[in-house]
Amino acid sequence: MKTISKLTLALLALATIAKAQNTESSGWLEGTVVDTKGKPVWVLAYGVPDYKVKAIPATGNPSEAEPKPDMGGLFTMKGLRPGVYEILVPATKNAEGRYRPQRIHGVVVKPGVRTMLNIVVNEGDQLQEIGRPVATEYALIVAQELSRLTKQGEQLQRQVEAIQKQR
């Protein structure tokens, strides 16, 4: 009988850990895109088709942010898997000038954490590279390990729920 109660306690502890991992298994990216004068570019580019900031992970599908001109150019991407991202900001133009596209390397998204990224775009046409590309092999290893651990936590959560339903 004591063995069963120890097993139950161990499973409840695992359930708590798994639930915490599950609720914090994703992070999000938030920020603004402004020009060098601090004016939100999305307000200026409102109505420009496909003006979206993109977050591209080492593995998986990219995410995109919709412009929020009524909120000063704020963008938000929720539900991002933890890992290292490359952020792409498209070129745009308005009455004040043309703004260069940007590629920002090495943006880290952590589980359960909001990552702030306020982007200043410069005038011009050429792609502006910011940061250094993360070694692809290393980024893939980290992304795969984070994915494996997240799935393992979710699997433990399902097992605990199944055991609890049997009671």
C-alpha atoms as a PDB file:
ATOM      1  CA  MET A   1       0.000   0.000   0.000  1.00  0.00           C
ATOM      2  CA  LYS A   2       2.862   2.381   0.824  1.00  0.00           C
ATOM      3  CA  THR A   3       4.339   1.650  -2.608  1.00  0.00           C
ATOM      4  CA  ILE A   4       1.123   2.762  -4.272  1.00  0.00           C
ATOM      5  CA  SER A   5       0.975   5.998  -2.300  1.00  0.00           C
ATOM      6  CA  LYS A   6       4.627   6.758  -3.140  1.00  0.00           C
ATOM      7  CA  LEU A   7       3.868   6.050  -6.781  1.00  0.00           C
ATOM      8  CA  THR A   8       0.835   8.334  -6.620  1.00  0.00           C
ATOM      9  CA  LEU A   9       2.917  11.134  -5.085  1.00  0.00           C
ATOM     10  CA  ALA A  10       5.601  10.678  -7.714  1.00  0.00           C
ATOM     11  CA  LEU A  11       3.007  10.817 -10.498  1.00  0.00           C
ATOM     12  CA  LEU A  12       1.403  13.926  -9.032  1.00  0.00           C
ATOM     13  CA  ALA A  13       4.815  15.582  -8.865  1.00  0.00           C
ATOM     14  CA  LEU A  14       5.443  14.653 -12.507  1.00  0.00           C
ATOM     15  CA  ALA A  15       2.008  16.010 -13.415  1.00  0.00           C
ATOM     16  CA  THR A  16       2.836  19.328 -11.809  1.00  0.00           C
ATOM     17  CA  ILE A  17       6.149  19.529 -13.652  1.00  0.00           C
ATOM     18  CA  ALA A  18       4.547  18.487 -16.941  1.00  0.00           C
ATOM     19  CA  LYS A  19       1.756  21.042 -16.542  1.00  0.00           C
ATOM     20  CA  ALA A  20       4.284  23.783 -15.829  1.00  0.00           C
ATOM     21  CA  GLN A  21       6.279  22.753 -18.899  1.00  0.00           C
ATOM     22  CA  ASN A  22       3.115  22.651 -20.989  1.00  0.00           C
ATOM     23  CA  THR A  23       1.894  26.108 -19.933  1.00  0.00           C
ATOM     24  CA  GLU A  24       5.330  27.599 -20.489  1.00  0.00           C
ATOM     25  CA  SER A  25       6.325  25.567 -23.536  1.00  0.00           C
ATOM     26  CA  SER A  26       5.998  28.530 -25.875  1.00  0.00           C
ATOM     27  CA  GLY A  27       7.151  32.114 -25.839  1.00  0.00           C
ATOM     28  CA  TRP A  28       6.237  35.203 -27.773  1.00  0.00           C
ATOM     29  CA  LEU A  29       7.839  38.056 -29.642  1.00  0.00           C
ATOM     30  CA  GLU A  30       6.582  41.602 -29.384  1.00  0.00           C
ATOM     31  CA  GLY A  31       7.797  45.028 -30.455  1.00  0.00           C
ATOM     32  CA  THR A  32       7.461  47.886 -32.894  1.00  0.00           C
ATOM     33  CA  VAL A  33       8.917  48.887 -36.230  1.00  0.00           C
ATOM     34  CA  VAL A  34       9.878  52.583 -36.337  1.00  0.00           C
ATOM     35  CA  ASP A  35      11.896  54.865 -38.569  1.00  0.00           C
ATOM     36  CA  THR A  36      14.973  56.771 -37.372  1.00  0.00           C
ATOM     37  CA  LYS A  37      12.697  59.593 -36.131  1.00  0.00           C
ATOM     38  CA  GLY A  38      10.760  57.158 -33.940  1.00  0.00           C
ATOM     39  CA  LYS A  39       7.647  57.227 -36.124  1.00  0.00           C
ATOM     40  CA  PRO A  40       5.916  53.826 -36.403  1.00  0.00           C
ATOM     41  CA  VAL A  41       6.537  52.500 -39.908  1.00  0.00           C
ATOM     42  CA  TRP A  42       3.412  50.369 -39.899  1.00  0.00           C
ATOM     43  CA  VAL A  43       1.296  53.467 -39.501  1.00  0.00           C
ATOM     44  CA  LEU A  44       3.049  54.822 -42.574  1.00  0.00           C
ATOM     45  CA  ALA A  45       2.796  51.516 -44.448  1.00  0.00           C
ATOM     46  CA  TYR A  46      -0.817  50.792 -43.455  1.00  0.00           C
ATOM     47  CA  GLY A  47      -2.614  49.243 -46.373  1.00  0.00           C
ATOM     48  CA  VAL A  48       0.589  48.023 -48.000  1.00  0.00           C
ATOM     49  CA  PRO A  49      -0.155  44.390 -48.898  1.00  0.00           C
ATOM     50  CA  ASP A  50       1.954  41.747 -47.159  1.00  0.00           C
ATOM     51  CA  TYR A  51       3.733  44.174 -44.838  1.00  0.00           C
ATOM     52  CA  LYS A  52       4.406  41.677 -42.074  1.00  0.00           C
ATOM     53  CA  VAL A  53       7.343  40.931 -39.818  1.00  0.00           C
ATOM     54  CA  LYS A  54       8.304  37.260 -40.110  1.00  0.00           C
ATOM     55  CA  ALA A  55      10.017  35.055 -37.528  1.00  0.00           C
ATOM     56  CA  ILE A  56      11.771  32.072 -39.094  1.00  0.00           C
ATOM     57  CA  PRO A  57      12.957  29.312 -36.735  1.00  0.00           C
ATOM     58  CA  ALA A  58      15.804  26.897 -37.445  1.00  0.00           C
ATOM     59  CA  THR A  59      13.150  24.187 -37.784  1.00  0.00           C
ATOM     60  CA  GLY A  60       9.422  24.443 -38.300  1.00  0.00           C
ATOM     61  CA  ASN A  61       7.101  26.944 -39.864  1.00  0.00           C
ATOM     62  CA  PRO A  62       7.643  30.700 -39.863  1.00  0.00           C
ATOM     63  CA  SER A  63       5.291  33.032 -37.975  1.00  0.00           C
ATOM     64  CA  GLU A  64       4.048  36.409 -39.147  1.00  0.00           C
ATOM     65  CA  ALA A  65       2.862  39.504 -37.315  1.00  0.00           C
ATOM     66  CA  GLU A  66      -0.084  41.587 -38.465  1.00  0.00           C
ATOM     67  CA  PRO A  67       0.302  45.371 -38.343  1.00  0.00           C
ATOM     68  CA  LYS A  68      -1.584  47.264 -35.631  1.00  0.00           C
ATOM     69  CA  PRO A  69      -1.537  50.875 -36.846  1.00  0.00           C
ATOM     70  CA  ASP A  70      -3.946  51.971 -34.105  1.00  0.00           C
ATOM     71  CA  MET A  71      -1.403  50.764 -31.508  1.00  0.00           C
ATOM     72  CA  GLY A  72       1.627  52.662 -32.813  1.00  0.00           C
ATOM     73  CA  GLY A  73       2.955  49.901 -35.062  1.00  0.00           C
ATOM     74  CA  LEU A  74       2.958  47.168 -32.405  1.00  0.00           C
ATOM     75  CA  PHE A  75       3.453  43.589 -33.571  1.00  0.00           C
ATOM     76  CA  THR A  76       2.933  40.416 -31.532  1.00  0.00           C
ATOM     77  CA  MET A  77       3.702  36.784 -32.369  1.00  0.00           C
ATOM     78  CA  LYS A  78       2.412  34.357 -29.753  1.00  0.00           C
ATOM     79  CA  GLY A  79       2.846  30.610 -29.455  1.00  0.00           C
ATOM     80  CA  LEU A  80       6.425  30.518 -30.734  1.00  0.00           C
ATOM     81  CA  ARG A  81       8.431  27.392 -29.979  1.00  0.00           C
ATOM     82  CA  PRO A  82      11.523  28.146 -27.908  1.00  0.00           C
ATOM     83  CA  GLY A  83      14.601  28.523 -30.057  1.00  0.00           C
ATOM     84  CA  VAL A  84      16.675  30.854 -32.188  1.00  0.00           C
ATOM     85  CA  TYR A  85      14.886  32.873 -34.872  1.00  0.00           C
ATOM     86  CA  GLU A  86      15.776  34.974 -37.869  1.00  0.00           C
ATOM     87  CA  ILE A  87      13.482  38.012 -38.132  1.00  0.00           C
ATOM     88  CA  LEU A  88      12.636  39.464 -41.541  1.00  0.00           C
ATOM     89  CA  VAL A  89      11.281  42.992 -41.920  1.00  0.00           C
ATOM     90  CA  PRO A  90      10.147  43.862 -45.453  1.00  0.00           C
ATOM     91  CA  ALA A  91      11.029  47.027 -47.316  1.00  0.00           C
ATOM     92  CA  THR A  92       8.390  49.723 -47.499  1.00  0.00           C
ATOM     93  CA  LYS A  93       7.990  53.272 -48.718  1.00  0.00           C
ATOM     94  CA  ASN A  94       5.879  56.299 -47.957  1.00  0.00           C
ATOM     95  CA  ALA A  95       5.838  60.037 -48.659  1.00  0.00           C
ATOM     96  CA  GLU A  96       8.886  60.483 -46.409  1.00  0.00           C
ATOM     97  CA  GLY A  97      11.119  57.902 -48.088  1.00  0.00           C
ATOM     98  CA  ARG A  98      11.965  54.270 -48.761  1.00  0.00           C
ATOM     99  CA  TYR A  99      12.899  51.946 -45.936  1.00  0.00           C
ATOM    100  CA  ARG A 100      15.408  49.112 -46.211  1.00  0.00           C
ATOM    101  CA  PRO A 101      14.406  45.533 -45.535  1.00  0.00           C
ATOM    102  CA  GLN A 102      16.129  43.940 -42.549  1.00  0.00           C
ATOM    103  CA  ARG A 103      17.222  40.482 -41.543  1.00  0.00           C
ATOM    104  CA  ILE A 104      17.917  40.203 -37.809  1.00  0.00           C
ATOM    105  CA  HIS A 105      19.853  37.088 -36.787  1.00  0.00           C
ATOM    106  CA  GLY A 106      19.977  35.269 -33.467  1.00  0.00           C
ATOM    107  CA  VAL A 107      16.754  36.371 -31.761  1.00  0.00           C
ATOM    108  CA  VAL A 108      16.202  33.942 -28.877  1.00  0.00           C
ATOM    109  CA  VAL A 109      12.682  32.998 -27.784  1.00  0.00           C
ATOM    110  CA  LYS A 110      12.482  31.354 -24.357  1.00  0.00           C
ATOM    111  CA  PRO A 111       9.577  29.310 -23.002  1.00  0.00           C
ATOM    112  CA  GLY A 112       7.001  31.360 -21.086  1.00  0.00           C
ATOM    113  CA  VAL A 113       8.827  34.637 -21.765  1.00  0.00           C
ATOM    114  CA  ARG A 114       7.973  37.705 -23.857  1.00  0.00           C
ATOM    115  CA  THR A 115      10.915  38.741 -26.030  1.00  0.00           C
ATOM    116  CA  MET A 116      10.873  42.458 -26.867  1.00  0.00           C
ATOM    117  CA  LEU A 117      12.266  43.518 -30.234  1.00  0.00           C
ATOM    118  CA  ASN A 118      11.923  47.167 -31.194  1.00  0.00           C
ATOM    119  CA  ILE A 119      13.212  47.574 -34.738  1.00  0.00           C
ATOM    120  CA  VAL A 120      14.524  50.801 -36.281  1.00  0.00           C
ATOM    121  CA  VAL A 121      14.512  50.777 -40.089  1.00  0.00           C
ATOM    122  CA  ASN A 122      16.759  53.016 -42.159  1.00  0.00           C
ATOM    123  CA  GLU A 123      16.207  54.706 -45.483  1.00  0.00           C
ATOM    124  CA  GLY A 124      17.461  52.956 -48.591  1.00  0.00           C
ATOM    125  CA  ASP A 125      16.861  49.885 -50.735  1.00  0.00           C
ATOM    126  CA  GLN A 126      19.580  47.357 -49.822  1.00  0.00           C
ATOM    127  CA  LEU A 127      18.964  44.540 -47.338  1.00  0.00           C
ATOM    128  CA  GLN A 128      20.348  45.413 -43.912  1.00  0.00           C
ATOM    129  CA  GLU A 129      21.813  42.443 -42.017  1.00  0.00           C
ATOM    130  CA  ILE A 130      21.872  42.737 -38.224  1.00  0.00           C
ATOM    131  CA  GLY A 131      23.781  40.307 -36.045  1.00  0.00           C
ATOM    132  CA  ARG A 132      25.469  37.144 -37.197  1.00  0.00           C
ATOM    133  CA  PRO A 133      23.780  34.004 -38.429  1.00  0.00           C
ATOM    134  CA  VAL A 134      23.695  31.357 -35.728  1.00  0.00           C
ATOM    135  CA  ALA A 135      25.587  28.231 -36.690  1.00  0.00           C
ATOM    136  CA  THR A 136      22.849  26.189 -38.335  1.00  0.00           C
ATOM    137  CA  GLU A 137      24.000  22.859 -36.920  1.00  0.00           C
ATOM    138  CA  TYR A 138      24.060  24.197 -33.356  1.00  0.00           C
ATOM    139  CA  ALA A 139      20.699  25.951 -33.770  1.00  0.00           C
ATOM    140  CA  LEU A 140      19.164  22.732 -35.110  1.00  0.00           C
ATOM    141  CA  ILE A 141      20.496  20.716 -32.178  1.00  0.00           C
ATOM    142  CA  VAL A 142      19.138  23.222 -29.662  1.00  0.00           C
ATOM    143  CA  ALA A 143      15.765  23.463 -31.423  1.00  0.00           C
ATOM    144  CA  GLN A 144      15.456  19.680 -31.634  1.00  0.00           C
ATOM    145  CA  GLU A 145      16.314  19.235 -27.955  1.00  0.00           C
ATOM    146  CA  LEU A 146      13.805  21.903 -26.910  1.00  0.00           C
ATOM    147  CA  SER A 147      11.155  20.256 -29.064  1.00  0.00           C
ATOM    148  CA  ARG A 148      11.945  16.816 -27.619  1.00  0.00           C
ATOM    149  CA  LEU A 149      11.704  18.069 -24.037  1.00  0.00           C
ATOM    150  CA  THR A 150       8.442  19.879 -24.739  1.00  0.00           C
ATOM    151  CA  LYS A 151       6.911  16.754 -26.274  1.00  0.00           C
ATOM    152  CA  GLN A 152       8.172  14.650 -23.368  1.00  0.00           C
ATOM    153  CA  GLY A 153       6.485  17.010 -20.890  1.00  0.00           C
ATOM    154  CA  GLU A 154       3.232  16.886 -22.864  1.00  0.00           C
ATOM    155  CA  GLN A 155       3.392  13.080 -22.978  1.00  0.00           C
ATOM    156  CA  LEU A 156       3.925  12.894 -19.207  1.00  0.00           C
ATOM    157  CA  GLN A 157       0.940  15.194 -18.711  1.00  0.00           C
ATOM    158  CA  ARG A 158      -1.282  12.888 -20.799  1.00  0.00           C
ATOM    159  CA  GLN A 159      -0.077   9.823 -18.876  1.00  0.00           C
ATOM    160  CA  VAL A 160      -0.829  11.443 -15.528  1.00  0.00           C
ATOM    161  CA  GLU A 161      -4.285  12.523 -16.706  1.00  0.00           C
ATOM    162  CA  ALA A 162      -5.003   8.963 -17.884  1.00  0.00           C
ATOM    163  CA  ILE A 163      -3.977   7.575 -14.496  1.00  0.00           C
ATOM    164  CA  GLN A 164      -6.112  10.149 -12.687  1.00  0.00           C
ATOM    165  CA  LYS A 165      -9.146   9.219 -14.822  1.00  0.00           C
ATOM    166  CA  GLN A 166      -8.736   5.551 -13.858  1.00  0.00           C
ATOM    167  CA  ARG A 167      -9.297   6.398 -10.196  1.00  0.00           C
END
